[in-house]
C-alpha atoms as a PDB file:
ATOM      1  CA  MET A   1     -73.723  22.340  17.258  1.00  0.00           C
ATOM      2  CA  ALA A   2     -70.860  21.544  15.190  1.00  0.00           C
ATOM      3  CA  ASN A   3     -70.937  22.641  11.431  1.00  0.00           C
ATOM      4  CA  THR A   4     -70.915  20.036   8.992  1.00  0.00           C
ATOM      5  CA  SER A   5     -69.470  20.383   5.473  1.00  0.00           C
ATOM      6  CA  THR A   6     -70.147  18.226   2.578  1.00  0.00           C
ATOM      7  CA  ILE A   7     -67.029  17.636   0.263  1.00  0.00           C
ATOM      8  CA  SER A   8     -67.917  16.399  -3.160  1.00  0.00           C
ATOM      9  CA  ALA A   9     -65.254  14.540  -4.933  1.00  0.00           C
ATOM     10  CA  GLU A  10     -65.093  14.845  -8.663  1.00  0.00           C
ATOM     11  CA  PRO A  11     -63.581  11.962 -10.504  1.00  0.00           C
ATOM     12  CA  SER A  12     -60.048  12.556 -11.856  1.00  0.00           C
ATOM     13  CA  GLY A  13     -57.804  10.711 -14.279  1.00  0.00           C
ATOM     14  CA  ALA A  14     -58.493   9.227 -17.741  1.00  0.00           C
ATOM     15  CA  LYS A  15     -61.902   7.634 -18.403  1.00  0.00           C
ATOM     16  CA  PRO A  16     -61.621   3.753 -18.464  1.00  0.00           C
ATOM     17  CA  LYS A  17     -61.755   2.558 -21.999  1.00  0.00           C
ATOM     18  CA  PRO A  18     -64.556   0.215 -22.926  1.00  0.00           C
ATOM     19  CA  PHE A  19     -63.460  -3.561 -23.374  1.00  0.00           C
ATOM     20  CA  ILE A  20     -64.575  -3.583 -27.019  1.00  0.00           C
ATOM     21  CA  THR A  21     -62.953  -0.905 -29.036  1.00  0.00           C
ATOM     22  CA  TRP A  22     -62.624  -0.602 -32.931  1.00  0.00           C
ATOM     23  CA  GLU A  23     -58.803  -0.883 -32.660  1.00  0.00           C
ATOM     24  CA  ARG A  24     -59.131  -4.154 -30.449  1.00  0.00           C
ATOM     25  CA  ALA A  25     -61.876  -5.458 -32.703  1.00  0.00           C
ATOM     26  CA  VAL A  26     -59.711  -5.090 -35.825  1.00  0.00           C
ATOM     27  CA  VAL A  27     -56.773  -6.712 -33.971  1.00  0.00           C
ATOM     28  CA  TYR A  28     -58.840  -9.800 -32.800  1.00  0.00           C
ATOM     29  CA  THR A  29     -60.490 -10.121 -36.190  1.00  0.00           C
ATOM     30  CA  VAL A  30     -57.040 -10.262 -38.018  1.00  0.00           C
ATOM     31  CA  LEU A  31     -55.802 -12.770 -35.506  1.00  0.00           C
ATOM     32  CA  ILE A  32     -58.690 -15.088 -35.711  1.00  0.00           C
ATOM     33  CA  VAL A  33     -58.587 -15.040 -39.506  1.00  0.00           C
ATOM     34  CA  CYS A  34     -54.912 -15.843 -39.433  1.00  0.00           C
ATOM     35  CA  ALA A  35     -55.521 -18.726 -36.993  1.00  0.00           C
ATOM     36  CA  LEU A  36     -58.311 -20.196 -39.131  1.00  0.00           C
ATOM     37  CA  PHE A  37     -56.092 -19.836 -42.211  1.00  0.00           C
ATOM     38  CA  PHE A  38     -53.354 -21.856 -40.702  1.00  0.00           C
ATOM     39  CA  LEU A  39     -55.657 -24.283 -38.935  1.00  0.00           C
ATOM     40  CA  LEU A  40     -57.868 -25.044 -41.760  1.00  0.00           C
ATOM     41  CA  PRO A  41     -55.139 -27.489 -43.450  1.00  0.00           C
ATOM     42  CA  LEU A  42     -54.661 -29.197 -40.196  1.00  0.00           C
ATOM     43  CA  TYR A  43     -58.423 -29.787 -39.679  1.00  0.00           C
ATOM     44  CA  ILE A  44     -58.644 -31.223 -43.347  1.00  0.00           C
ATOM     45  CA  MET A  45     -55.811 -33.434 -42.729  1.00  0.00           C
ATOM     46  CA  ILE A  46     -57.073 -34.836 -39.432  1.00  0.00           C
ATOM     47  CA  ILE A  47     -60.572 -35.566 -40.740  1.00  0.00           C
ATOM     48  CA  THR A  48     -59.338 -36.964 -44.051  1.00  0.00           C
ATOM     49  CA  SER A  49     -57.033 -39.229 -42.018  1.00  0.00           C
ATOM     50  CA  LEU A  50     -60.210 -40.685 -40.271  1.00  0.00           C
ATOM     51  CA  LYS A  51     -62.173 -41.480 -43.382  1.00  0.00           C
ATOM     52  CA  SER A  52     -62.404 -44.337 -45.752  1.00  0.00           C
ATOM     53  CA  ILE A  53     -61.525 -44.314 -49.385  1.00  0.00           C
ATOM     54  CA  SER A  54     -65.133 -44.196 -50.393  1.00  0.00           C
ATOM     55  CA  GLU A  55     -65.884 -41.018 -48.282  1.00  0.00           C
ATOM     56  CA  ILE A  56     -62.806 -39.278 -49.502  1.00  0.00           C
ATOM     57  CA  GLN A  57     -63.842 -40.122 -53.105  1.00  0.00           C
ATOM     58  CA  GLY A  58     -67.289 -38.340 -52.520  1.00  0.00           C
ATOM     59  CA  GLY A  59     -65.552 -34.916 -52.599  1.00  0.00           C
ATOM     60  CA  ASN A  60     -66.585 -33.313 -49.349  1.00  0.00           C
ATOM     61  CA  ILE A  61     -63.163 -32.586 -47.739  1.00  0.00           C
ATOM     62  CA  PHE A  62     -64.611 -30.069 -45.052  1.00  0.00           C
ATOM     63  CA  VAL A  63     -67.207 -32.792 -43.994  1.00  0.00           C
ATOM     64  CA  PRO A  64     -66.160 -35.156 -41.078  1.00  0.00           C
ATOM     65  CA  SER A  65     -66.654 -38.727 -41.460  1.00  0.00           C
ATOM     66  CA  SER A  66     -69.833 -40.226 -40.164  1.00  0.00           C
ATOM     67  CA  ASN A  67     -68.031 -43.347 -39.123  1.00  0.00           C
ATOM     68  CA  PRO A  68     -64.505 -42.252 -38.024  1.00  0.00           C
ATOM     69  CA  SER A  69     -61.665 -44.964 -38.078  1.00  0.00           C
ATOM     70  CA  LEU A  70     -58.180 -45.102 -37.127  1.00  0.00           C
ATOM     71  CA  ALA A  71     -57.342 -47.917 -39.805  1.00  0.00           C
ATOM     72  CA  ALA A  72     -55.430 -45.423 -41.870  1.00  0.00           C
ATOM     73  CA  TRP A  73     -53.296 -44.500 -38.775  1.00  0.00           C
ATOM     74  CA  GLU A  74     -52.639 -48.107 -38.006  1.00  0.00           C
ATOM     75  CA  LYS A  75     -51.581 -48.696 -41.551  1.00  0.00           C
ATOM     76  CA  ALA A  76     -49.366 -45.663 -41.804  1.00  0.00           C
ATOM     77  CA  TRP A  77     -47.608 -46.705 -38.811  1.00  0.00           C
ATOM     78  CA  ASN A  78     -47.229 -50.380 -39.223  1.00  0.00           C
ATOM     79  CA  SER A  79     -47.705 -51.623 -42.898  1.00  0.00           C
ATOM     80  CA  ALA A  80     -47.490 -48.599 -45.355  1.00  0.00           C
ATOM     81  CA  CYS A  81     -44.803 -49.130 -48.080  1.00  0.00           C
ATOM     82  CA  THR A  82     -41.918 -46.817 -47.753  1.00  0.00           C
ATOM     83  CA  GLY A  83     -39.965 -47.856 -50.846  1.00  0.00           C
ATOM     84  CA  LEU A  84     -38.654 -51.436 -50.882  1.00  0.00           C
ATOM     85  CA  TYR A  85     -40.085 -52.180 -47.499  1.00  0.00           C
ATOM     86  CA  CYS A  86     -43.853 -52.302 -46.301  1.00  0.00           C
ATOM     87  CA  GLU A  87     -43.068 -51.905 -42.653  1.00  0.00           C
ATOM     88  CA  GLY A  88     -44.884 -48.666 -41.985  1.00  0.00           C
ATOM     89  CA  ILE A  89     -43.345 -45.259 -40.981  1.00  0.00           C
ATOM     90  CA  LYS A  90     -42.457 -46.614 -37.370  1.00  0.00           C
ATOM     91  CA  VAL A  91     -39.022 -47.674 -38.834  1.00  0.00           C
ATOM     92  CA  GLY A  92     -38.326 -44.071 -39.940  1.00  0.00           C
ATOM     93  CA  PHE A  93     -39.634 -42.763 -36.441  1.00  0.00           C
ATOM     94  CA  TRP A  94     -36.993 -44.726 -34.498  1.00  0.00           C
ATOM     95  CA  ASN A  95     -34.151 -43.625 -37.215  1.00  0.00           C
ATOM     96  CA  SER A  96     -35.212 -40.007 -36.534  1.00  0.00           C
ATOM     97  CA  ILE A  97     -34.881 -40.414 -32.890  1.00  0.00           C
ATOM     98  CA  LYS A  98     -31.384 -41.962 -33.221  1.00  0.00           C
ATOM     99  CA  ILE A  99     -30.385 -38.990 -35.306  1.00  0.00           C
ATOM    100  CA  THR A 100     -32.153 -36.135 -33.289  1.00  0.00           C
ATOM    101  CA  VAL A 101     -31.105 -37.194 -29.757  1.00  0.00           C
ATOM    102  CA  PRO A 102     -27.303 -37.313 -30.197  1.00  0.00           C
ATOM    103  CA  SER A 103     -27.226 -34.412 -32.716  1.00  0.00           C
ATOM    104  CA  THR A 104     -28.939 -32.061 -30.356  1.00  0.00           C
ATOM    105  CA  ILE A 105     -26.978 -33.157 -27.283  1.00  0.00           C
ATOM    106  CA  VAL A 106     -23.591 -32.858 -28.871  1.00  0.00           C
ATOM    107  CA  SER A 107     -24.095 -29.802 -30.833  1.00  0.00           C
ATOM    108  CA  ILE A 108     -25.786 -27.840 -27.855  1.00  0.00           C
ATOM    109  CA  ALA A 109     -23.133 -28.910 -25.537  1.00  0.00           C
ATOM    110  CA  VAL A 110     -20.003 -27.907 -27.861  1.00  0.00           C
ATOM    111  CA  ALA A 111     -22.012 -24.598 -28.642  1.00  0.00           C
ATOM    112  CA  SER A 112     -22.694 -23.607 -25.179  1.00  0.00           C
ATOM    113  CA  ILE A 113     -19.081 -24.168 -24.140  1.00  0.00           C
ATOM    114  CA  SER A 114     -17.833 -22.307 -27.234  1.00  0.00           C
ATOM    115  CA  GLY A 115     -20.215 -19.355 -26.642  1.00  0.00           C
ATOM    116  CA  TYR A 116     -19.272 -19.043 -23.042  1.00  0.00           C
ATOM    117  CA  SER A 117     -15.737 -19.096 -23.969  1.00  0.00           C
ATOM    118  CA  LEU A 118     -16.119 -16.444 -26.695  1.00  0.00           C
ATOM    119  CA  ALA A 119     -18.144 -14.274 -24.188  1.00  0.00           C
ATOM    120  CA  ASN A 120     -16.156 -14.423 -21.240  1.00  0.00           C
ATOM    121  CA  TRP A 121     -12.716 -15.933 -21.855  1.00  0.00           C
ATOM    122  CA  PRO A 122     -11.498 -13.968 -24.930  1.00  0.00           C
ATOM    123  CA  PHE A 123      -8.358 -15.305 -26.401  1.00  0.00           C
ATOM    124  CA  LYS A 124      -6.020 -14.264 -29.189  1.00  0.00           C
ATOM    125  CA  PHE A 125      -7.944 -14.208 -32.434  1.00  0.00           C
ATOM    126  CA  SER A 126     -11.214 -15.090 -30.617  1.00  0.00           C
ATOM    127  CA  GLU A 127     -13.006 -12.394 -32.616  1.00  0.00           C
ATOM    128  CA  GLY A 128     -11.516 -13.711 -36.000  1.00  0.00           C
ATOM    129  CA  PHE A 129     -12.665 -17.254 -34.807  1.00  0.00           C
ATOM    130  CA  PHE A 130     -16.022 -15.940 -34.084  1.00  0.00           C
ATOM    131  CA  THR A 131     -16.279 -14.134 -37.597  1.00  0.00           C
ATOM    132  CA  ILE A 132     -15.279 -17.271 -39.507  1.00  0.00           C
ATOM    133  CA  LEU A 133     -17.674 -19.408 -37.263  1.00  0.00           C
ATOM    134  CA  LEU A 134     -20.493 -16.890 -38.140  1.00  0.00           C
ATOM    135  CA  LEU A 135     -19.829 -16.939 -41.979  1.00  0.00           C
ATOM    136  CA  GLY A 136     -19.965 -20.763 -41.818  1.00  0.00           C
ATOM    137  CA  SER A 137     -23.703 -20.320 -40.923  1.00  0.00           C
ATOM    138  CA  PHE A 138     -24.281 -18.475 -44.294  1.00  0.00           C
ATOM    139  CA  ILE A 139     -22.654 -21.216 -46.543  1.00  0.00           C
ATOM    140  CA  PRO A 140     -25.410 -22.845 -48.559  1.00  0.00           C
ATOM    141  CA  TYR A 141     -25.895 -26.480 -47.630  1.00  0.00           C
ATOM    142  CA  VAL A 142     -25.831 -27.660 -51.251  1.00  0.00           C
ATOM    143  CA  VAL A 143     -22.185 -26.427 -51.463  1.00  0.00           C
ATOM    144  CA  MET A 144     -21.019 -28.809 -48.937  1.00  0.00           C
ATOM    145  CA  LEU A 145     -22.969 -31.795 -49.942  1.00  0.00           C
ATOM    146  CA  TYR A 146     -20.352 -33.578 -52.089  1.00  0.00           C
ATOM    147  CA  PRO A 147     -17.323 -32.734 -49.909  1.00  0.00           C
ATOM    148  CA  ILE A 148     -19.058 -34.237 -47.007  1.00  0.00           C
ATOM    149  CA  VAL A 149     -19.766 -37.432 -49.070  1.00  0.00           C
ATOM    150  CA  ILE A 150     -16.058 -37.938 -49.626  1.00  0.00           C
ATOM    151  CA  ILE A 151     -15.399 -37.240 -46.016  1.00  0.00           C
ATOM    152  CA  THR A 152     -17.918 -39.578 -44.749  1.00  0.00           C
ATOM    153  CA  ARG A 153     -16.751 -42.249 -47.145  1.00  0.00           C
ATOM    154  CA  TYR A 154     -13.412 -41.927 -46.004  1.00  0.00           C
ATOM    155  CA  LEU A 155     -14.239 -42.268 -42.502  1.00  0.00           C
ATOM    156  CA  GLY A 156     -16.280 -45.405 -43.319  1.00  0.00           C
ATOM    157  CA  ILE A 157     -19.553 -44.024 -42.113  1.00  0.00           C
ATOM    158  CA  PHE A 158     -21.241 -43.015 -45.405  1.00  0.00           C
ATOM    159  CA  SER A 159     -24.921 -44.480 -45.678  1.00  0.00           C
ATOM    160  CA  THR A 160     -25.158 -44.947 -41.904  1.00  0.00           C
ATOM    161  CA  LEU A 161     -26.856 -42.959 -39.104  1.00  0.00           C
ATOM    162  CA  PRO A 162     -23.671 -41.679 -37.661  1.00  0.00           C
ATOM    163  CA  ALA A 163     -22.877 -39.853 -40.782  1.00  0.00           C
ATOM    164  CA  VAL A 164     -26.104 -37.947 -40.530  1.00  0.00           C
ATOM    165  CA  VAL A 165     -25.508 -37.187 -36.926  1.00  0.00           C
ATOM    166  CA  LEU A 166     -22.171 -35.895 -37.781  1.00  0.00           C
ATOM    167  CA  VAL A 167     -23.467 -33.573 -40.513  1.00  0.00           C
ATOM    168  CA  HIS A 168     -26.490 -32.181 -38.353  1.00  0.00           C
ATOM    169  CA  THR A 169     -23.947 -31.496 -35.545  1.00  0.00           C
ATOM    170  CA  ILE A 170     -21.400 -29.656 -37.712  1.00  0.00           C
ATOM    171  CA  PHE A 171     -24.099 -27.465 -39.384  1.00  0.00           C
ATOM    172  CA  GLY A 172     -25.814 -26.648 -36.133  1.00  0.00           C
ATOM    173  CA  LEU A 173     -22.747 -25.435 -34.477  1.00  0.00           C
ATOM    174  CA  PRO A 174     -22.413 -21.951 -36.064  1.00  0.00           C
ATOM    175  CA  ILE A 175     -26.053 -20.621 -35.212  1.00  0.00           C
ATOM    176  CA  GLN A 176     -26.012 -22.279 -31.793  1.00  0.00           C
ATOM    177  CA  THR A 177     -22.681 -20.840 -30.870  1.00  0.00           C
ATOM    178  CA  LEU A 178     -23.935 -17.288 -31.913  1.00  0.00           C
ATOM    179  CA  LEU A 179     -27.043 -17.759 -29.789  1.00  0.00           C
ATOM    180  CA  PHE A 180     -25.039 -18.773 -26.711  1.00  0.00           C
ATOM    181  CA  ARG A 181     -22.388 -16.260 -27.187  1.00  0.00           C
ATOM    182  CA  ASN A 182     -24.914 -13.448 -27.204  1.00  0.00           C
ATOM    183  CA  TYR A 183     -26.979 -14.616 -24.369  1.00  0.00           C
ATOM    184  CA  PHE A 184     -23.949 -15.258 -22.204  1.00  0.00           C
ATOM    185  CA  ALA A 185     -22.575 -11.566 -23.150  1.00  0.00           C
ATOM    186  CA  SER A 186     -25.954 -10.186 -21.997  1.00  0.00           C
ATOM    187  CA  LEU A 187     -25.689 -11.635 -18.518  1.00  0.00           C
ATOM    188  CA  PRO A 188     -24.242  -9.433 -15.908  1.00  0.00           C
ATOM    189  CA  GLN A 189     -20.409  -9.456 -15.910  1.00  0.00           C
ATOM    190  CA  GLU A 190     -20.433  -8.794 -12.177  1.00  0.00           C
ATOM    191  CA  LEU A 191     -21.495 -12.286 -11.576  1.00  0.00           C
ATOM    192  CA  PHE A 192     -18.519 -13.500 -13.678  1.00  0.00           C
ATOM    193  CA  LYS A 193     -16.090 -11.293 -11.986  1.00  0.00           C
ATOM    194  CA  ALA A 194     -17.358 -12.217  -8.536  1.00  0.00           C
ATOM    195  CA  ALA A 195     -16.762 -15.883  -9.143  1.00  0.00           C
ATOM    196  CA  ARG A 196     -13.393 -15.358 -10.632  1.00  0.00           C
ATOM    197  CA  VAL A 197     -12.527 -13.279  -7.341  1.00  0.00           C
ATOM    198  CA  ASP A 198     -13.968 -16.221  -5.411  1.00  0.00           C
ATOM    199  CA  GLY A 199     -11.489 -18.479  -6.952  1.00  0.00           C
ATOM    200  CA  ALA A 200     -13.940 -20.589  -9.258  1.00  0.00           C
ATOM    201  CA  SER A 201     -12.393 -22.207 -12.170  1.00  0.00           C
ATOM    202  CA  TYR A 202     -13.517 -22.239 -15.786  1.00  0.00           C
ATOM    203  CA  TRP A 203     -15.817 -25.174 -15.211  1.00  0.00           C
ATOM    204  CA  GLN A 204     -17.008 -24.160 -11.926  1.00  0.00           C
ATOM    205  CA  ILE A 205     -18.094 -20.787 -13.201  1.00  0.00           C
ATOM    206  CA  PHE A 206     -19.878 -22.443 -16.223  1.00  0.00           C
ATOM    207  CA  PHE A 207     -21.799 -25.188 -14.456  1.00  0.00           C
ATOM    208  CA  ARG A 208     -22.495 -23.287 -11.168  1.00  0.00           C
ATOM    209  CA  VAL A 209     -23.318 -19.851 -12.439  1.00  0.00           C
ATOM    210  CA  PHE A 210     -23.961 -19.679 -15.858  1.00  0.00           C
ATOM    211  CA  VAL A 211     -25.875 -23.026 -16.710  1.00  0.00           C
ATOM    212  CA  PRO A 212     -28.482 -22.405 -14.057  1.00  0.00           C
ATOM    213  CA  MET A 213     -29.311 -18.968 -15.371  1.00  0.00           C
ATOM    214  CA  SER A 214     -29.431 -20.276 -18.940  1.00  0.00           C
ATOM    215  CA  VAL A 215     -32.387 -22.453 -19.046  1.00  0.00           C
ATOM    216  CA  PRO A 216     -34.355 -20.153 -21.426  1.00  0.00           C
ATOM    217  CA  ILE A 217     -31.486 -20.350 -24.069  1.00  0.00           C
ATOM    218  CA  PHE A 218     -31.085 -23.903 -23.693  1.00  0.00           C
ATOM    219  CA  THR A 219     -34.887 -24.334 -24.295  1.00  0.00           C
ATOM    220  CA  VAL A 220     -34.416 -22.289 -27.567  1.00  0.00           C
ATOM    221  CA  SER A 221     -31.550 -24.270 -28.707  1.00  0.00           C
ATOM    222  CA  VAL A 222     -33.392 -27.390 -28.141  1.00  0.00           C
ATOM    223  CA  ILE A 223     -36.434 -26.250 -29.994  1.00  0.00           C
ATOM    224  CA  LEU A 224     -34.287 -25.091 -32.916  1.00  0.00           C
ATOM    225  CA  GLN A 225     -32.230 -28.290 -33.233  1.00  0.00           C
ATOM    226  CA  VAL A 226     -34.781 -30.659 -32.833  1.00  0.00           C
ATOM    227  CA  THR A 227     -37.425 -29.219 -35.136  1.00  0.00           C
ATOM    228  CA  GLY A 228     -34.638 -28.558 -37.815  1.00  0.00           C
ATOM    229  CA  ILE A 229     -33.061 -31.959 -37.481  1.00  0.00           C
ATOM    230  CA  TRP A 230     -36.474 -33.680 -37.241  1.00  0.00           C
ATOM    231  CA  ASN A 231     -38.009 -32.002 -40.366  1.00  0.00           C
ATOM    232  CA  ASP A 232     -34.587 -32.326 -42.333  1.00  0.00           C
ATOM    233  CA  PHE A 233     -34.954 -34.186 -45.644  1.00  0.00           C
ATOM    234  CA  LEU A 234     -31.946 -33.504 -47.595  1.00  0.00           C
ATOM    235  CA  PHE A 235     -29.121 -34.824 -45.375  1.00  0.00           C
ATOM    236  CA  GLY A 236     -31.372 -37.939 -44.588  1.00  0.00           C
ATOM    237  CA  VAL A 237     -31.880 -38.898 -48.229  1.00  0.00           C
ATOM    238  CA  ILE A 238     -28.290 -38.509 -48.949  1.00  0.00           C
ATOM    239  CA  TYR A 239     -26.113 -39.688 -45.912  1.00  0.00           C
ATOM    240  CA  ALA A 240     -28.311 -42.170 -44.357  1.00  0.00           C
ATOM    241  CA  GLY A 241     -28.766 -44.826 -46.907  1.00  0.00           C
ATOM    242  CA  PRO A 242     -31.912 -46.687 -47.866  1.00  0.00           C
ATOM    243  CA  THR A 243     -32.167 -48.908 -44.654  1.00  0.00           C
ATOM    244  CA  ASN A 244     -31.664 -45.835 -42.431  1.00  0.00           C
ATOM    245  CA  TYR A 245     -34.003 -43.289 -43.883  1.00  0.00           C
ATOM    246  CA  PRO A 246     -35.504 -40.885 -41.187  1.00  0.00           C
ATOM    247  CA  MET A 247     -39.094 -40.271 -40.978  1.00  0.00           C
ATOM    248  CA  THR A 248     -39.356 -37.480 -43.411  1.00  0.00           C
ATOM    249  CA  VAL A 249     -37.836 -39.444 -46.160  1.00  0.00           C
ATOM    250  CA  GLN A 250     -40.069 -42.262 -45.706  1.00  0.00           C
ATOM    251  CA  LEU A 251     -43.108 -40.050 -45.745  1.00  0.00           C
ATOM    252  CA  ASN A 252     -42.001 -38.787 -49.047  1.00  0.00           C
ATOM    253  CA  ASN A 253     -41.706 -42.294 -50.137  1.00  0.00           C
ATOM    254  CA  ILE A 254     -45.381 -43.056 -49.016  1.00  0.00           C
ATOM    255  CA  VAL A 255     -46.840 -39.770 -50.438  1.00  0.00           C
ATOM    256  CA  ASN A 256     -45.206 -40.160 -53.866  1.00  0.00           C
ATOM    257  CA  SER A 257     -45.715 -44.135 -54.188  1.00  0.00           C
ATOM    258  CA  ALA A 258     -47.096 -45.044 -57.487  1.00  0.00           C
ATOM    259  CA  GLN A 259     -48.391 -48.543 -56.586  1.00  0.00           C
ATOM    260  CA  GLY A 260     -52.073 -49.113 -56.772  1.00  0.00           C
ATOM    261  CA  GLY A 261     -54.759 -46.375 -56.051  1.00  0.00           C
ATOM    262  CA  LYS A 262     -53.917 -43.271 -53.866  1.00  0.00           C
ATOM    263  CA  ALA A 263     -54.531 -43.721 -50.219  1.00  0.00           C
ATOM    264  CA  TYR A 264     -55.177 -40.142 -49.032  1.00  0.00           C
ATOM    265  CA  ASN A 265     -56.157 -41.167 -45.709  1.00  0.00           C
ATOM    266  CA  VAL A 266     -52.793 -43.026 -45.130  1.00  0.00           C
ATOM    267  CA  ASP A 267     -50.885 -40.091 -46.588  1.00  0.00           C
ATOM    268  CA  MET A 268     -52.488 -37.649 -44.107  1.00  0.00           C
ATOM    269  CA  ALA A 269     -52.089 -39.998 -41.103  1.00  0.00           C
ATOM    270  CA  ALA A 270     -48.584 -40.525 -41.906  1.00  0.00           C
ATOM    271  CA  THR A 271     -48.036 -36.716 -42.284  1.00  0.00           C
ATOM    272  CA  ILE A 272     -49.474 -35.969 -39.002  1.00  0.00           C
ATOM    273  CA  LEU A 273     -47.337 -38.685 -37.209  1.00  0.00           C
ATOM    274  CA  THR A 274     -44.282 -37.170 -38.668  1.00  0.00           C
ATOM    275  CA  GLY A 275     -45.264 -33.781 -37.363  1.00  0.00           C
ATOM    276  CA  LEU A 276     -46.172 -34.852 -33.976  1.00  0.00           C
ATOM    277  CA  VAL A 277     -42.704 -34.445 -32.296  1.00  0.00           C
ATOM    278  CA  PRO A 278     -42.023 -30.865 -33.226  1.00  0.00           C
ATOM    279  CA  LEU A 279     -45.605 -29.907 -32.587  1.00  0.00           C
ATOM    280  CA  THR A 280     -45.658 -31.439 -29.221  1.00  0.00           C
ATOM    281  CA  ILE A 281     -42.433 -29.586 -28.406  1.00  0.00           C
ATOM    282  CA  TYR A 282     -43.602 -26.279 -29.438  1.00  0.00           C
ATOM    283  CA  PHE A 283     -46.837 -26.666 -27.409  1.00  0.00           C
ATOM    284  CA  ILE A 284     -44.915 -27.791 -24.195  1.00  0.00           C
ATOM    285  CA  SER A 285     -41.980 -25.236 -24.227  1.00  0.00           C
ATOM    286  CA  GLY A 286     -43.438 -22.581 -26.457  1.00  0.00           C
ATOM    287  CA  LYS A 287     -43.507 -20.038 -23.595  1.00  0.00           C
ATOM    288  CA  TYR A 288     -39.795 -20.739 -22.749  1.00  0.00           C
ATOM    289  CA  PHE A 289     -38.913 -20.268 -26.332  1.00  0.00           C
ATOM    290  CA  VAL A 290     -40.243 -16.595 -26.287  1.00  0.00           C
ATOM    291  CA  ARG A 291     -38.846 -16.050 -22.902  1.00  0.00           C
ATOM    292  CA  GLY A 292     -35.277 -17.077 -24.237  1.00  0.00           C
ATOM    293  CA  ILE A 293     -35.507 -15.005 -27.220  1.00  0.00           C
ATOM    294  CA  ALA A 294     -36.463 -11.844 -25.174  1.00  0.00           C
ATOM    295  CA  ALA A 295     -33.756 -12.628 -22.692  1.00  0.00           C
ATOM    296  CA  GLY A 296     -30.982 -11.922 -25.196  1.00  0.00           C
ATOM    297  CA  ALA A 297     -30.994 -14.904 -27.505  1.00  0.00           C
ATOM    298  CA  VAL A 298     -30.726 -12.671 -30.601  1.00  0.00           C
ATOM    299  CA  LYS A 299     -29.161  -9.650 -28.976  1.00  0.00           C
ATOM    300  CA  GLY A 300     -25.587  -8.514 -30.155  1.00  0.00           C
END
């Protein structure tokens, strides 16, 4: 009869940690508290926009309406007074679209080509040019307001939408060029050298090699430009003119209007409508924004 031996295997390695530890509990508690802190104002804005004036005057700001209505949203969009006109905030919405779209496209197109050139096609005084461009991003906007007023007036575009587009494009170039330059510099140089050996031209390397690899940084740039331009108030109120005010300027006029009683539900609805575009962009492309930052958007 063959001898049989019993082998007892002792468990080895680190013991598995329980799902709930005090460190994890502290982290999740802090995150939940922070989330509630930032979501509470949005909650109040939403439920207030759905209330009637009589319910708002009741003083229970945390209690939802018993009979919610979108009347305040309809008024904010179509008939709220934004100054001399009572056409709602929809006029400012389309003005903001006309400002944001060309400003974003032109600034990103120029900045991506400039960053590509600075990172991979150095020329004489390229470092000095980059330093000057970088310093331009630290110049306070208020220093340049009046000189740009003179320039746009000389060009014949003051108090028009093209003036605002020009200003946003110019002020967006320094930081966007920095982002693209650092991102392209972080890509493997072997790809650039291999393309050069194969006889690819300047534009062929840019469009066929670098652009397909740069979706994250383009996403970062679009988010930064769209949110920055859409949320701008200063340039819009100075350079657009009364008939071309963007959405943020018209929102200010609605909230600070002194005509009649204060319609807080309309104010809240108009505020939410104004912020919907950047919020939507963040929700849709937030993961690409984080990926672009981690992939070298802020590396030197």
